[in-house]
C-alpha atoms as a PDB file:
ATOM      1  CA  MET A   1      -4.364 -17.221   1.323  1.00  0.00           C
ATOM      2  CA  THR A   2      -4.353 -19.283  -1.907  1.00  0.00           C
ATOM      3  CA  ASP A   3      -5.306 -18.736  -5.355  1.00  0.00           C
ATOM      4  CA  GLN A   4      -8.074 -20.963  -4.972  1.00  0.00           C
ATOM      5  CA  THR A   5      -9.481 -19.156  -1.943  1.00  0.00           C
ATOM      6  CA  ILE A   6      -9.306 -15.678  -3.772  1.00  0.00           C
ATOM      7  CA  ASP A   7     -12.546 -14.578  -5.758  1.00  0.00           C
ATOM      8  CA  TRP A   8     -10.650 -13.514  -8.788  1.00  0.00           C
ATOM      9  CA  PRO A   9     -13.610 -12.849 -11.173  1.00  0.00           C
ATOM     10  CA  HIS A  10     -14.544 -10.254  -8.371  1.00  0.00           C
ATOM     11  CA  LEU A  11     -11.223  -8.994  -7.955  1.00  0.00           C
ATOM     12  CA  ARG A  12     -11.064  -8.715 -12.026  1.00  0.00           C
ATOM     13  CA  ASP A  13     -14.473  -6.681 -11.959  1.00  0.00           C
ATOM     14  CA  ILE A  14     -12.764  -4.161  -9.409  1.00  0.00           C
ATOM     15  CA  ALA A  15      -9.639  -3.788 -11.687  1.00  0.00           C
ATOM     16  CA  ARG A  16     -12.126  -3.165 -14.646  1.00  0.00           C
ATOM     17  CA  GLU A  17     -13.784  -0.439 -12.464  1.00  0.00           C
ATOM     18  CA  ALA A  18     -10.734   1.258 -12.091  1.00  0.00           C
ATOM     19  CA  MET A  19      -9.597   0.887 -15.336  1.00  0.00           C
ATOM     20  CA  ALA A  20     -12.504   2.983 -16.411  1.00  0.00           C
ATOM     21  CA  LYS A  21     -11.410   5.603 -14.651  1.00  0.00           C
ATOM     22  CA  ALA A  22      -8.017   5.800 -16.261  1.00  0.00           C
ATOM     23  CA  TYR A  23      -6.435   9.056 -17.743  1.00  0.00           C
ATOM     24  CA  ALA A  24      -4.851   7.772 -20.853  1.00  0.00           C
ATOM     25  CA  PRO A  25      -5.365  10.451 -23.493  1.00  0.00           C
ATOM     26  CA  TYR A  26      -1.985   9.969 -25.064  1.00  0.00           C
ATOM     27  CA  SER A  27      -1.708   6.393 -25.242  1.00  0.00           C
ATOM     28  CA  GLU A  28      -5.387   5.334 -25.633  1.00  0.00           C
ATOM     29  CA  PHE A  29      -4.407   2.360 -23.333  1.00  0.00           C
ATOM     30  CA  PRO A  30      -6.267   2.442 -20.333  1.00  0.00           C
ATOM     31  CA  VAL A  31      -5.228   0.003 -17.376  1.00  0.00           C
ATOM     32  CA  GLY A  32      -6.497  -1.033 -14.150  1.00  0.00           C
ATOM     33  CA  ALA A  33      -5.580  -2.971 -11.102  1.00  0.00           C
ATOM     34  CA  ALA A  34      -6.726  -4.440  -8.229  1.00  0.00           C
ATOM     35  CA  ALA A  35      -5.288  -6.024  -5.158  1.00  0.00           C
ATOM     36  CA  ILE A  36      -6.224  -7.861  -1.990  1.00  0.00           C
ATOM     37  CA  VAL A  37      -4.497  -6.883   1.409  1.00  0.00           C
ATOM     38  CA  ASP A  38      -3.227  -8.895   4.115  1.00  0.00           C
ATOM     39  CA  ASP A  39      -6.226  -7.543   6.365  1.00  0.00           C
ATOM     40  CA  GLY A  40      -8.932  -8.462   3.830  1.00  0.00           C
ATOM     41  CA  ARG A  41      -9.098  -4.639   2.387  1.00  0.00           C
ATOM     42  CA  ILE A  42      -9.261  -4.158  -1.526  1.00  0.00           C
ATOM     43  CA  VAL A  43      -7.217  -1.469  -3.257  1.00  0.00           C
ATOM     44  CA  SER A  44      -7.160  -0.510  -6.723  1.00  0.00           C
ATOM     45  CA  GLY A  45      -5.567   1.757  -9.073  1.00  0.00           C
ATOM     46  CA  CYS A  46      -5.621   3.191 -12.609  1.00  0.00           C
ATOM     47  CA  ASN A  47      -2.733   4.621 -15.054  1.00  0.00           C
ATOM     48  CA  ILE A  48      -2.683   8.546 -14.867  1.00  0.00           C
ATOM     49  CA  GLU A  49      -0.926   9.900 -17.935  1.00  0.00           C
ATOM     50  CA  ASN A  50       0.990  13.030 -18.185  1.00  0.00           C
ATOM     51  CA  ALA A  51       1.905  15.200 -21.115  1.00  0.00           C
ATOM     52  CA  SER A  52       5.580  14.840 -19.834  1.00  0.00           C
ATOM     53  CA  TYR A  53       5.512  11.026 -20.478  1.00  0.00           C
ATOM     54  CA  GLY A  54       8.277  10.427 -17.729  1.00  0.00           C
ATOM     55  CA  VAL A  55       5.827  11.565 -15.040  1.00  0.00           C
ATOM     56  CA  THR A  56       3.001   9.220 -15.821  1.00  0.00           C
ATOM     57  CA  LEU A  57       1.870   6.693 -13.214  1.00  0.00           C
ATOM     58  CA  CYS A  58       1.083   3.344 -13.966  1.00  0.00           C
ATOM     59  CA  ALA A  59      -2.012   1.399 -12.555  1.00  0.00           C
ATOM     60  CA  GLU A  60       0.284  -0.466 -10.070  1.00  0.00           C
ATOM     61  CA  CYS A  61       1.738   3.071  -8.592  1.00  0.00           C
ATOM     62  CA  SER A  62      -2.041   3.965  -8.260  1.00  0.00           C
ATOM     63  CA  LEU A  63      -2.678   1.009  -6.544  1.00  0.00           C
ATOM     64  CA  VAL A  64       0.200   1.278  -4.301  1.00  0.00           C
ATOM     65  CA  SER A  65      -0.327   4.702  -3.368  1.00  0.00           C
ATOM     66  CA  ALA A  66      -3.922   3.657  -2.246  1.00  0.00           C
ATOM     67  CA  LEU A  67      -2.635   1.016  -0.415  1.00  0.00           C
ATOM     68  CA  VAL A  68      -0.405   3.266   1.610  1.00  0.00           C
ATOM     69  CA  MET A  69      -2.804   6.060   1.854  1.00  0.00           C
ATOM     70  CA  SER A  70      -5.728   3.577   3.384  1.00  0.00           C
ATOM     71  CA  GLY A  71      -3.207   2.436   6.018  1.00  0.00           C
ATOM     72  CA  GLY A  72      -0.471   0.045   4.421  1.00  0.00           C
ATOM     73  CA  GLY A  73      -0.308  -3.520   4.776  1.00  0.00           C
ATOM     74  CA  ARG A  74       0.959  -6.178   2.552  1.00  0.00           C
ATOM     75  CA  LEU A  75      -0.607  -7.254  -0.601  1.00  0.00           C
ATOM     76  CA  VAL A  76      -1.378 -10.917  -0.831  1.00  0.00           C
ATOM     77  CA  ALA A  77      -3.577 -11.143  -4.410  1.00  0.00           C
ATOM     78  CA  PHE A  78      -2.904  -9.144  -7.570  1.00  0.00           C
ATOM     79  CA  THR A  79      -4.902  -8.778 -10.932  1.00  0.00           C
ATOM     80  CA  CYS A  80      -4.229  -5.923 -13.869  1.00  0.00           C
ATOM     81  CA  VAL A  81      -6.558  -5.737 -16.785  1.00  0.00           C
ATOM     82  CA  ASP A  82      -6.288  -3.492 -20.022  1.00  0.00           C
ATOM     83  CA  GLY A  83      -8.991  -1.490 -21.643  1.00  0.00           C
ATOM     84  CA  HIS A  84     -10.891  -4.670 -23.098  1.00  0.00           C
ATOM     85  CA  GLY A  85     -10.688  -6.161 -19.719  1.00  0.00           C
ATOM     86  CA  ALA A  86      -7.858  -8.881 -20.823  1.00  0.00           C
ATOM     87  CA  THR A  87      -5.275  -9.555 -18.234  1.00  0.00           C
ATOM     88  CA  LEU A  88      -2.137  -7.789 -18.362  1.00  0.00           C
ATOM     89  CA  MET A  89       1.347  -8.911 -16.729  1.00  0.00           C
ATOM     90  CA  PRO A  90       3.262  -5.630 -15.003  1.00  0.00           C
ATOM     91  CA  CYS A  91       6.154  -4.831 -16.407  1.00  0.00           C
ATOM     92  CA  GLY A  92       9.508  -5.291 -14.179  1.00  0.00           C
ATOM     93  CA  ARG A  93       9.386  -1.714 -12.907  1.00  0.00           C
ATOM     94  CA  CYS A  94       6.205  -2.655 -11.304  1.00  0.00           C
ATOM     95  CA  ARG A  95       6.928  -6.324 -10.409  1.00  0.00           C
ATOM     96  CA  GLN A  96       9.436  -4.849  -8.135  1.00  0.00           C
ATOM     97  CA  LEU A  97       6.995  -2.072  -7.076  1.00  0.00           C
ATOM     98  CA  LEU A  98       4.724  -4.869  -6.197  1.00  0.00           C
ATOM     99  CA  TYR A  99       7.282  -6.883  -4.454  1.00  0.00           C
ATOM    100  CA  GLU A 100       8.157  -3.980  -2.194  1.00  0.00           C
ATOM    101  CA  HIS A 101       4.357  -4.035  -0.790  1.00  0.00           C
ATOM    102  CA  SER A 102       3.816  -7.971  -1.010  1.00  0.00           C
ATOM    103  CA  ALA A 103       3.160 -10.536   1.175  1.00  0.00           C
ATOM    104  CA  GLU A 104       5.601 -13.388   1.058  1.00  0.00           C
ATOM    105  CA  GLY A 105       3.889 -15.687  -1.549  1.00  0.00           C
ATOM    106  CA  MET A 106       1.852 -13.179  -3.093  1.00  0.00           C
ATOM    107  CA  VAL A 107      -0.308 -14.575  -5.894  1.00  0.00           C
ATOM    108  CA  LEU A 108      -0.717 -12.661  -9.537  1.00  0.00           C
ATOM    109  CA  ASP A 109      -3.262 -13.288 -11.929  1.00  0.00           C
ATOM    110  CA  THR A 110      -0.716 -13.265 -14.982  1.00  0.00           C
ATOM    111  CA  VAL A 111      -1.515 -14.043 -18.706  1.00  0.00           C
ATOM    112  CA  SER A 112       0.212 -17.367 -18.382  1.00  0.00           C
ATOM    113  CA  GLY A 113      -1.871 -18.343 -15.153  1.00  0.00           C
ATOM    114  CA  PHE A 114      -1.788 -17.750 -11.470  1.00  0.00           C
ATOM    115  CA  LYS A 115       1.780 -17.057 -10.245  1.00  0.00           C
ATOM    116  CA  THR A 116       3.433 -15.893  -7.055  1.00  0.00           C
ATOM    117  CA  ILE A 117       5.676 -12.747  -6.977  1.00  0.00           C
ATOM    118  CA  ASP A 118       8.787 -14.929  -6.413  1.00  0.00           C
ATOM    119  CA  GLU A 119       8.029 -16.810  -9.598  1.00  0.00           C
ATOM    120  CA  VAL A 120       7.403 -13.489 -11.869  1.00  0.00           C
ATOM    121  CA  LEU A 121      10.387 -11.767 -10.006  1.00  0.00           C
ATOM    122  CA  PRO A 122      12.988 -14.240  -8.894  1.00  0.00           C
ATOM    123  CA  ASP A 123      15.669 -13.412  -6.666  1.00  0.00           C
ATOM    124  CA  ALA A 124      14.338 -10.044  -6.087  1.00  0.00           C
ATOM    125  CA  PHE A 125      15.892  -7.642  -3.510  1.00  0.00           C
ATOM    126  CA  GLY A 126      13.417  -5.845  -0.865  1.00  0.00           C
ATOM    127  CA  PRO A 127      12.341  -5.527   2.640  1.00  0.00           C
ATOM    128  CA  ARG A 128      12.461  -9.425   3.342  1.00  0.00           C
ATOM    129  CA  GLN A 129      16.009  -9.397   2.360  1.00  0.00           C
ATOM    130  CA  LEU A 130      16.813  -6.116   4.360  1.00  0.00           C
ATOM    131  CA  ALA A 131      15.046  -7.352   7.460  1.00  0.00           C
ATOM    132  CA  ALA A 132      17.239 -10.644   7.204  1.00  0.00           C
ATOM    133  CA  TYR A 133      20.223  -8.978   6.671  1.00  0.00           C
ATOM    134  CA  ALA A 134      19.526  -6.822   9.856  1.00  0.00           C
ATOM    135  CA  GLY A 135      18.806  -9.693  11.827  1.00  0.00           C
ATOM    136  CA  ASP A 136      22.091 -11.144  10.653  1.00  0.00           C
ATOM    137  CA  GLU A 137      24.162  -8.272  11.999  1.00  0.00           C
ATOM    138  CA  LEU A 138      21.886  -8.266  15.255  1.00  0.00           C
ATOM    139  CA  ALA A 139      23.082 -12.085  15.982  1.00  0.00           C
END
């Protein structure tokens, strides 16, 4: 799947629908995210704040929870929007979270255009590296 075969307007609409469900009474900055899974499903999430700020869940965490709860799989395309529907770039922590659940070459809709997960998190460490390591050990 390439960024040309993805219905990005539809995916952004789903992210906006998720954003409308955000619980953001403290920051007043609602965020929604949506992604396509390698089996064609679409998962989404929103930020869910907490008075104890450290336990606030970002939209990407919510999305990954939905991914795992709905059967797992690998993310192939991702977008994230703010309360005005404008594209947001995931923070570094969220990029790592997305990398953990991404298909190789996952495409992100970013503020500077479409980029792969490897472009937004170069030299990342995650499941693919652990699998490669395990394969080396078995050889």
